[in-house]
N, C-alpha and C. Protein backbone atom coordinates (compact mmCIF):
# COMPACT_ATOMS: atom_id res chain seq x y z
N UNK A 1 -2.58 -16.45 8.85
CA UNK A 1 -2.55 -15.21 9.68
C UNK A 1 -2.18 -13.86 8.97
N UNK A 2 -1.34 -14.09 8.14
CA UNK A 2 -0.92 -12.83 7.32
C UNK A 2 -2.08 -12.41 6.50
N UNK A 3 -2.82 -13.36 5.91
CA UNK A 3 -4.11 -12.95 4.95
C UNK A 3 -5.02 -12.00 5.80
N UNK A 4 -5.15 -12.40 7.25
CA UNK A 4 -6.10 -11.69 8.08
C UNK A 4 -5.44 -10.33 8.20
N UNK A 5 -4.31 -10.27 8.47
CA UNK A 5 -3.68 -8.92 8.50
C UNK A 5 -3.79 -7.94 7.48
N UNK A 6 -3.50 -8.64 6.19
CA UNK A 6 -3.62 -7.89 5.06
C UNK A 6 -5.12 -7.37 4.75
N UNK A 7 -6.00 -8.04 5.33
CA UNK A 7 -7.40 -7.49 5.01
C UNK A 7 -7.55 -6.10 5.65
N UNK A 8 -6.83 -5.76 6.71
CA UNK A 8 -7.19 -4.44 7.42
C UNK A 8 -6.64 -3.12 6.64
N UNK A 9 -5.45 -3.25 5.89
CA UNK A 9 -5.09 -1.85 5.23
C UNK A 9 -5.56 -1.69 3.83
N UNK A 10 -6.23 -2.81 3.30
CA UNK A 10 -6.81 -2.85 1.79
C UNK A 10 -7.86 -1.74 1.52
N UNK A 11 -8.80 -1.51 2.47
CA UNK A 11 -9.70 -0.41 2.10
C UNK A 11 -9.00 0.88 2.26
N UNK A 12 -7.84 1.05 2.91
CA UNK A 12 -7.07 2.48 3.13
C UNK A 12 -6.38 2.45 1.55
N UNK A 13 -5.75 1.36 1.30
CA UNK A 13 -5.05 1.36 -0.06
C UNK A 13 -5.87 1.86 -1.17
N UNK A 14 -7.17 1.00 -1.19
CA UNK A 14 -7.96 1.57 -2.43
C UNK A 14 -8.41 2.89 -2.25
N UNK A 15 -8.64 3.37 -1.09
CA UNK A 15 -8.91 4.97 -1.02
C UNK A 15 -7.96 5.85 -1.62
N UNK A 16 -6.56 5.57 -1.18
CA UNK A 16 -5.46 6.05 -1.53
C UNK A 16 -5.34 6.09 -2.93
N UNK A 17 -5.48 4.85 -3.61
CA UNK A 17 -5.27 4.71 -5.06
C UNK A 17 -6.37 5.46 -5.63
N UNK A 18 -7.75 5.78 -5.09
CA UNK A 18 -8.76 6.47 -5.98
C UNK A 18 -8.12 7.89 -5.69
N UNK A 19 -7.51 8.42 -4.78
CA UNK A 19 -7.12 9.82 -4.80
C UNK A 19 -6.06 10.03 -5.60
N UNK A 20 -5.14 8.97 -5.85
CA UNK A 20 -4.03 9.13 -6.69
C UNK A 20 -3.04 10.35 -6.48
N UNK A 21 -2.33 10.61 -7.55
CA UNK A 21 -1.32 11.76 -7.36
C UNK A 21 0.00 11.22 -6.83
N UNK A 22 0.82 12.32 -6.80
CA UNK A 22 2.19 12.10 -6.16
C UNK A 22 2.18 11.65 -4.77
N UNK A 23 1.27 12.16 -4.00
CA UNK A 23 1.15 11.89 -2.52
C UNK A 23 0.86 10.36 -2.49
N UNK A 24 -0.26 9.79 -3.05
CA UNK A 24 -0.44 8.50 -3.18
C UNK A 24 0.83 7.66 -3.56
N UNK A 25 1.56 8.00 -4.32
CA UNK A 25 2.97 7.18 -4.47
C UNK A 25 3.93 7.30 -3.50
N UNK A 26 3.83 8.48 -2.87
CA UNK A 26 4.88 8.66 -1.63
C UNK A 26 4.28 7.92 -0.34
N UNK A 27 3.04 7.89 -0.06
CA UNK A 27 2.43 7.27 0.94
C UNK A 27 2.76 5.77 0.84
N UNK A 28 2.59 5.10 -0.33
CA UNK A 28 2.71 3.83 -0.67
C UNK A 28 4.14 3.39 -0.37
N UNK A 29 5.24 4.26 -0.86
CA UNK A 29 6.64 3.90 -0.80
C UNK A 29 6.83 3.99 0.97
N UNK A 30 6.28 5.05 1.47
CA UNK A 30 6.42 4.92 3.04
C UNK A 30 5.87 3.96 3.66
N UNK A 31 4.83 3.18 3.27
CA UNK A 31 4.35 2.12 3.82
C UNK A 31 5.09 0.90 3.65
N UNK A 32 5.77 0.83 2.48
CA UNK A 32 6.60 -0.32 2.10
C UNK A 32 7.91 -0.35 3.08
N UNK A 33 8.41 1.09 3.31
CA UNK A 33 9.39 1.20 4.19
C UNK A 33 9.15 0.92 5.54
N UNK A 34 7.92 1.12 5.91
CA UNK A 34 7.56 0.91 7.29
C UNK A 34 7.22 -0.48 7.81
N UNK A 35 6.81 -1.26 6.77
CA UNK A 35 6.58 -2.75 6.94
C UNK A 35 7.80 -3.61 7.32
N UNK A 36 7.73 -3.92 8.54
CA UNK A 36 8.95 -4.53 9.17
C UNK A 36 8.86 -6.07 9.00
N UNK A 37 7.63 -6.41 8.45
CA UNK A 37 7.50 -7.91 8.22
C UNK A 37 7.94 -8.26 6.93
N UNK A 38 7.67 -7.09 5.88
CA UNK A 38 8.15 -7.22 4.48
C UNK A 38 7.25 -7.74 3.61
N UNK A 39 6.20 -8.17 3.81
CA UNK A 39 5.26 -8.73 2.76
C UNK A 39 3.71 -8.38 3.17
N UNK A 40 3.54 -7.40 3.94
CA UNK A 40 1.95 -7.11 4.11
C UNK A 40 1.66 -6.06 3.00
N UNK A 41 0.57 -6.56 2.18
CA UNK A 41 0.04 -5.92 0.91
C UNK A 41 1.20 -5.51 -0.02
N UNK A 42 2.44 -6.13 0.04
CA UNK A 42 3.33 -5.67 -0.86
C UNK A 42 3.12 -5.42 -2.24
N UNK A 43 2.42 -6.43 -2.93
CA UNK A 43 1.98 -6.25 -4.36
C UNK A 43 1.10 -5.05 -4.60
N UNK A 44 0.14 -4.80 -3.73
CA UNK A 44 -0.73 -3.59 -3.97
C UNK A 44 -0.04 -2.55 -3.71
N UNK A 45 0.79 -2.29 -2.65
CA UNK A 45 1.64 -1.00 -2.64
C UNK A 45 2.57 -0.87 -3.63
N UNK A 46 3.31 -1.79 -4.05
CA UNK A 46 4.23 -1.54 -5.06
C UNK A 46 3.55 -1.11 -6.32
N UNK A 47 2.31 -1.67 -6.79
CA UNK A 47 1.56 -1.23 -7.80
C UNK A 47 1.18 0.38 -7.79
N UNK A 48 0.90 0.68 -6.44
CA UNK A 48 0.52 2.20 -6.38
C UNK A 48 1.83 2.95 -6.53
N UNK A 49 3.06 2.52 -6.10
CA UNK A 49 4.18 3.29 -6.20
C UNK A 49 4.41 3.66 -7.68
N UNK A 50 4.10 2.71 -8.58
CA UNK A 50 4.46 2.73 -10.09
C UNK A 50 3.33 3.25 -10.74
N UNK A 51 2.05 3.85 -10.01
CA UNK A 51 0.97 4.26 -11.02
C UNK A 51 1.24 5.44 -11.50
N UNK A 52 0.41 5.80 -12.70
CA UNK A 52 0.71 7.01 -13.53
C UNK A 52 0.06 8.06 -12.71
């Protein structure tokens, strides 16, 4: 079931990644903090927070 949930935000994460910049890092960090489950797209969001 979690895989089905993860499919929903992936297009948004890809778009934010393409936009890049400091705002993308901040957005990803906020998404991680807001994730009450603790694992929804965690790898993708973590990579985005550490992007150059």
